[in-house]
Amino acid sequence: AGIVVNAISGGEGPKFLSVVPGLRLFRLLEYVPTLQNLLLSAIKASSPLANLFVFCFVCIFCVATVGRYMFGSDLDPLTRSNFGSQATSLLTIIQLFVGDSW
C-alpha cells in the first residue's frame, strides 16, 4: 500500500497514513481484555499525574523565588547553579530536585 501511495502522490505519501500501523494496536485491545484494562487505567491516571506535575512545579517555583531572595547571586557565578535570576533559580532547584551535578 505504501508503494502505491508513493507512486500516486509523487514520492512522499500523506502524513496521516503513517498513523495507520499504530491503529492496529487498538484492534488488539478487543482480543486482550487485560491490555484494555491497563490502557484504561493509564488514561484514568493521566489527570492525577497532571495535577501532581502542576503541584510540583508550583512548589519548585516557590522555593526558587525564596532562594532568589535569600541567596541572590552569591553562589559560584561560573556554574549555572545560582539564584541570580528567576530562570537560573528554577534551573538550580530542578537540578537539586533530580540530583543533577551535585
N, C-alpha and C. Protein backbone atom coordinates (compact mmCIF):
# COMPACT_ATOMS: atom_id res chain seq x y z
N ALA A 1 0.83 -1.20 0.00
CA ALA A 1 0.00 0.00 0.00
C ALA A 1 0.86 1.25 0.00
N GLY A 2 2.02 1.19 0.69
CA GLY A 2 2.90 2.35 0.76
C GLY A 2 3.49 2.69 -0.59
N ILE A 3 3.77 1.67 -1.42
CA ILE A 3 4.34 1.91 -2.74
C ILE A 3 3.31 2.58 -3.64
N VAL A 4 2.06 2.15 -3.53
CA VAL A 4 1.01 2.75 -4.34
C VAL A 4 0.80 4.21 -3.95
N VAL A 5 0.80 4.50 -2.66
CA VAL A 5 0.60 5.88 -2.19
C VAL A 5 1.77 6.75 -2.64
N ASN A 6 2.99 6.21 -2.57
CA ASN A 6 4.15 6.97 -3.02
C ASN A 6 4.10 7.23 -4.51
N ALA A 7 3.64 6.26 -5.28
CA ALA A 7 3.56 6.43 -6.73
C ALA A 7 2.50 7.46 -7.10
N ILE A 8 1.37 7.46 -6.39
CA ILE A 8 0.29 8.38 -6.72
C ILE A 8 0.64 9.81 -6.31
N SER A 9 1.23 9.97 -5.14
CA SER A 9 1.47 11.32 -4.63
C SER A 9 2.79 11.90 -5.11
N GLY A 10 3.56 11.14 -5.84
CA GLY A 10 4.79 11.70 -6.38
C GLY A 10 5.97 11.60 -5.44
N GLY A 11 6.06 10.60 -4.64
CA GLY A 11 7.25 10.40 -3.81
C GLY A 11 6.93 10.23 -2.35
N GLU A 12 6.32 11.22 -1.76
CA GLU A 12 6.07 11.13 -0.32
C GLU A 12 4.57 11.08 -0.08
N GLY A 13 4.14 10.08 0.69
CA GLY A 13 2.73 9.89 0.95
C GLY A 13 2.20 10.88 1.96
N PRO A 14 0.89 10.92 2.12
CA PRO A 14 0.30 11.80 3.14
C PRO A 14 0.76 11.41 4.54
N LYS A 15 0.93 12.39 5.36
CA LYS A 15 1.45 12.16 6.71
C LYS A 15 0.48 11.37 7.58
N PHE A 16 -0.82 11.49 7.34
CA PHE A 16 -1.78 10.81 8.20
C PHE A 16 -1.73 9.30 8.00
N LEU A 17 -1.22 8.82 6.89
CA LEU A 17 -1.14 7.39 6.66
C LEU A 17 -0.06 6.72 7.51
N SER A 18 0.87 7.51 8.05
CA SER A 18 1.89 6.93 8.91
C SER A 18 1.32 6.51 10.26
N VAL A 19 0.11 6.93 10.59
CA VAL A 19 -0.53 6.59 11.85
C VAL A 19 -1.26 5.25 11.75
N VAL A 20 -1.56 4.82 10.56
CA VAL A 20 -2.38 3.62 10.36
C VAL A 20 -1.78 2.37 11.00
N PRO A 21 -0.47 2.10 10.89
CA PRO A 21 0.05 0.90 11.57
C PRO A 21 -0.11 0.95 13.09
N GLY A 22 -0.06 2.13 13.67
CA GLY A 22 -0.26 2.26 15.11
C GLY A 22 -1.68 1.97 15.53
N LEU A 23 -2.63 2.19 14.62
CA LEU A 23 -4.03 1.93 14.95
C LEU A 23 -4.32 0.43 15.05
N ARG A 24 -3.46 -0.38 14.46
CA ARG A 24 -3.66 -1.83 14.57
C ARG A 24 -3.55 -2.30 16.02
N LEU A 25 -2.82 -1.58 16.82
CA LEU A 25 -2.70 -1.95 18.23
C LEU A 25 -4.04 -1.84 18.94
N PHE A 26 -4.87 -0.90 18.53
CA PHE A 26 -6.18 -0.76 19.16
C PHE A 26 -7.10 -1.93 18.83
N ARG A 27 -6.90 -2.55 17.67
CA ARG A 27 -7.67 -3.76 17.36
C ARG A 27 -7.27 -4.90 18.28
N LEU A 28 -6.03 -4.89 18.72
CA LEU A 28 -5.55 -5.92 19.64
C LEU A 28 -6.28 -5.85 20.98
N LEU A 29 -6.75 -4.67 21.34
CA LEU A 29 -7.45 -4.50 22.62
C LEU A 29 -8.73 -5.32 22.69
N GLU A 30 -9.34 -5.61 21.56
CA GLU A 30 -10.56 -6.41 21.57
C GLU A 30 -10.28 -7.84 22.01
N TYR A 31 -9.11 -8.33 21.69
CA TYR A 31 -8.78 -9.73 21.96
C TYR A 31 -8.06 -9.93 23.29
N VAL A 32 -7.51 -8.87 23.85
CA VAL A 32 -6.76 -8.99 25.11
C VAL A 32 -7.41 -8.03 26.12
N PRO A 33 -8.36 -8.51 26.92
CA PRO A 33 -9.05 -7.60 27.86
C PRO A 33 -8.12 -7.06 28.94
N THR A 34 -7.08 -7.80 29.30
CA THR A 34 -6.15 -7.30 30.31
C THR A 34 -5.42 -6.07 29.79
N LEU A 35 -5.04 -6.10 28.53
CA LEU A 35 -4.38 -4.95 27.92
C LEU A 35 -5.33 -3.76 27.85
N GLN A 36 -6.59 -4.04 27.59
CA GLN A 36 -7.59 -2.96 27.55
C GLN A 36 -7.74 -2.34 28.94
N ASN A 37 -7.77 -3.17 29.98
CA ASN A 37 -7.87 -2.64 31.34
C ASN A 37 -6.65 -1.81 31.71
N LEU A 38 -5.46 -2.25 31.28
CA LEU A 38 -4.26 -1.48 31.56
C LEU A 38 -4.27 -0.13 30.87
N LEU A 39 -4.72 -0.10 29.62
CA LEU A 39 -4.78 1.16 28.89
C LEU A 39 -5.80 2.10 29.52
N LEU A 40 -6.95 1.57 29.90
CA LEU A 40 -7.96 2.43 30.55
C LEU A 40 -7.47 2.95 31.89
N SER A 41 -6.72 2.13 32.64
CA SER A 41 -6.16 2.58 33.91
C SER A 41 -5.13 3.69 33.69
N ALA A 42 -4.32 3.54 32.64
CA ALA A 42 -3.33 4.58 32.35
C ALA A 42 -4.01 5.88 31.94
N ILE A 43 -5.09 5.79 31.19
CA ILE A 43 -5.81 7.00 30.78
C ILE A 43 -6.46 7.67 31.98
N LYS A 44 -7.03 6.86 32.89
CA LYS A 44 -7.65 7.43 34.09
C LYS A 44 -6.62 8.06 35.02
N ALA A 45 -5.37 7.57 34.99
CA ALA A 45 -4.32 8.08 35.87
C ALA A 45 -3.67 9.34 35.32
N SER A 46 -3.99 9.73 34.09
CA SER A 46 -3.32 10.88 33.50
C SER A 46 -3.73 12.19 34.17
N SER A 47 -4.97 12.32 34.58
CA SER A 47 -5.41 13.55 35.24
C SER A 47 -4.75 13.74 36.61
N PRO A 48 -4.71 12.72 37.47
CA PRO A 48 -3.99 12.91 38.73
C PRO A 48 -2.49 13.15 38.53
N LEU A 49 -1.90 12.55 37.52
CA LEU A 49 -0.48 12.80 37.26
C LEU A 49 -0.26 14.23 36.80
N ALA A 50 -1.16 14.76 35.99
CA ALA A 50 -1.04 16.16 35.58
C ALA A 50 -1.16 17.08 36.79
N ASN A 51 -2.08 16.77 37.69
CA ASN A 51 -2.21 17.56 38.92
C ASN A 51 -0.93 17.50 39.76
N LEU A 52 -0.32 16.33 39.82
CA LEU A 52 0.93 16.17 40.57
C LEU A 52 2.04 17.01 39.97
N PHE A 53 2.15 17.01 38.64
CA PHE A 53 3.19 17.81 37.99
C PHE A 53 2.96 19.30 38.20
N VAL A 54 1.72 19.74 38.16
CA VAL A 54 1.43 21.16 38.41
C VAL A 54 1.77 21.52 39.85
N PHE A 55 1.42 20.65 40.79
CA PHE A 55 1.74 20.90 42.20
C PHE A 55 3.25 20.96 42.41
N CYS A 56 3.99 20.03 41.80
CA CYS A 56 5.46 20.04 41.93
C CYS A 56 6.04 21.32 41.33
N PHE A 57 5.52 21.76 40.18
CA PHE A 57 6.03 22.98 39.56
C PHE A 57 5.76 24.20 40.45
N VAL A 58 4.58 24.26 41.05
CA VAL A 58 4.27 25.39 41.93
C VAL A 58 5.21 25.39 43.14
N CYS A 59 5.46 24.21 43.70
CA CYS A 59 6.39 24.12 44.84
C CYS A 59 7.80 24.52 44.43
N ILE A 60 8.25 24.04 43.27
CA ILE A 60 9.59 24.39 42.79
C ILE A 60 9.68 25.89 42.51
N PHE A 61 8.64 26.47 41.95
CA PHE A 61 8.63 27.90 41.69
C PHE A 61 8.71 28.69 42.98
N CYS A 62 7.97 28.27 44.00
CA CYS A 62 8.00 28.98 45.29
C CYS A 62 9.37 28.88 45.96
N VAL A 63 9.96 27.69 45.94
CA VAL A 63 11.29 27.52 46.55
C VAL A 63 12.33 28.31 45.78
N ALA A 64 12.22 28.36 44.45
CA ALA A 64 13.16 29.13 43.64
C ALA A 64 13.05 30.62 43.93
N THR A 65 11.83 31.10 44.14
CA THR A 65 11.63 32.51 44.45
C THR A 65 12.19 32.84 45.83
N VAL A 66 11.95 31.99 46.80
CA VAL A 66 12.52 32.21 48.15
C VAL A 66 14.04 32.15 48.10
N GLY A 67 14.59 31.19 47.36
CA GLY A 67 16.05 31.09 47.22
C GLY A 67 16.64 32.29 46.53
N ARG A 68 15.91 32.85 45.60
CA ARG A 68 16.40 34.05 44.90
C ARG A 68 16.51 35.23 45.86
N TYR A 69 15.54 35.37 46.75
CA TYR A 69 15.60 36.47 47.71
C TYR A 69 16.57 36.21 48.84
N MET A 70 16.78 34.95 49.20
CA MET A 70 17.71 34.63 50.29
C MET A 70 19.16 34.66 49.83
N PHE A 71 19.44 34.05 48.66
CA PHE A 71 20.83 33.89 48.25
C PHE A 71 21.24 34.86 47.15
N GLY A 72 20.34 35.26 46.31
CA GLY A 72 20.69 36.14 45.20
C GLY A 72 21.67 35.44 44.28
N SER A 73 22.70 36.15 43.87
CA SER A 73 23.73 35.54 43.02
C SER A 73 25.01 35.34 43.82
N ASP A 74 24.89 35.02 45.11
CA ASP A 74 26.05 34.84 45.97
C ASP A 74 26.81 33.56 45.69
N LEU A 75 26.18 32.60 45.05
CA LEU A 75 26.84 31.34 44.78
C LEU A 75 27.81 31.49 43.62
N ASP A 76 28.47 30.42 43.27
CA ASP A 76 29.51 30.42 42.26
C ASP A 76 28.97 30.94 40.91
N PRO A 77 29.50 32.08 40.42
CA PRO A 77 28.98 32.60 39.15
C PRO A 77 29.43 31.83 37.92
N LEU A 78 30.42 30.95 38.06
CA LEU A 78 30.91 30.19 36.91
C LEU A 78 29.98 29.05 36.54
N THR A 79 29.22 28.58 37.47
CA THR A 79 28.29 27.50 37.19
C THR A 79 26.90 28.07 36.98
N ARG A 80 26.00 27.23 36.48
CA ARG A 80 24.61 27.67 36.32
C ARG A 80 23.85 27.56 37.63
N SER A 81 24.47 27.02 38.65
CA SER A 81 23.78 26.75 39.90
C SER A 81 23.85 27.96 40.83
N ASN A 82 23.10 28.98 40.52
CA ASN A 82 22.96 30.11 41.42
C ASN A 82 21.53 30.61 41.33
N PHE A 83 21.24 31.62 42.09
CA PHE A 83 19.87 32.14 42.16
C PHE A 83 19.83 33.58 41.64
N GLY A 84 20.64 33.90 40.63
CA GLY A 84 20.75 35.26 40.13
C GLY A 84 19.48 35.78 39.46
N SER A 85 18.80 34.94 38.71
CA SER A 85 17.55 35.35 38.07
C SER A 85 16.52 34.24 38.31
N GLN A 86 15.29 34.53 37.92
CA GLN A 86 14.24 33.53 38.15
C GLN A 86 14.49 32.28 37.32
N ALA A 87 14.98 32.44 36.10
CA ALA A 87 15.23 31.28 35.25
C ALA A 87 16.36 30.42 35.80
N THR A 88 17.45 31.04 36.23
CA THR A 88 18.56 30.24 36.77
C THR A 88 18.20 29.65 38.13
N SER A 89 17.37 30.33 38.90
CA SER A 89 16.96 29.76 40.18
C SER A 89 16.05 28.56 39.97
N LEU A 90 15.15 28.62 38.96
CA LEU A 90 14.33 27.45 38.63
C LEU A 90 15.21 26.28 38.18
N LEU A 91 16.20 26.58 37.35
CA LEU A 91 17.11 25.54 36.89
C LEU A 91 17.89 24.94 38.06
N THR A 92 18.33 25.77 38.99
CA THR A 92 19.07 25.28 40.16
C THR A 92 18.20 24.37 41.02
N ILE A 93 16.97 24.76 41.26
CA ILE A 93 16.08 23.94 42.09
C ILE A 93 15.74 22.63 41.39
N ILE A 94 15.53 22.68 40.07
CA ILE A 94 15.25 21.43 39.34
C ILE A 94 16.48 20.53 39.37
N GLN A 95 17.69 21.12 39.28
CA GLN A 95 18.91 20.31 39.40
C GLN A 95 19.00 19.67 40.78
N LEU A 96 18.63 20.40 41.81
CA LEU A 96 18.64 19.82 43.16
C LEU A 96 17.56 18.75 43.28
N PHE A 97 16.42 18.96 42.66
CA PHE A 97 15.30 18.04 42.75
C PHE A 97 15.63 16.69 42.10
N VAL A 98 16.30 16.73 40.94
CA VAL A 98 16.61 15.48 40.24
C VAL A 98 18.00 14.97 40.54
N GLY A 99 18.82 15.73 41.26
CA GLY A 99 20.16 15.27 41.64
C GLY A 99 21.17 15.42 40.53
N ASP A 100 21.01 16.37 39.64
CA ASP A 100 21.92 16.57 38.53
C ASP A 100 23.12 17.42 38.97
N SER A 101 24.31 16.91 38.76
CA SER A 101 25.59 17.64 39.01
C SER A 101 25.76 18.04 40.47
N TRP A 102 25.30 17.23 41.39
CA TRP A 102 25.50 17.57 42.79
C TRP A 102 26.17 16.43 43.49
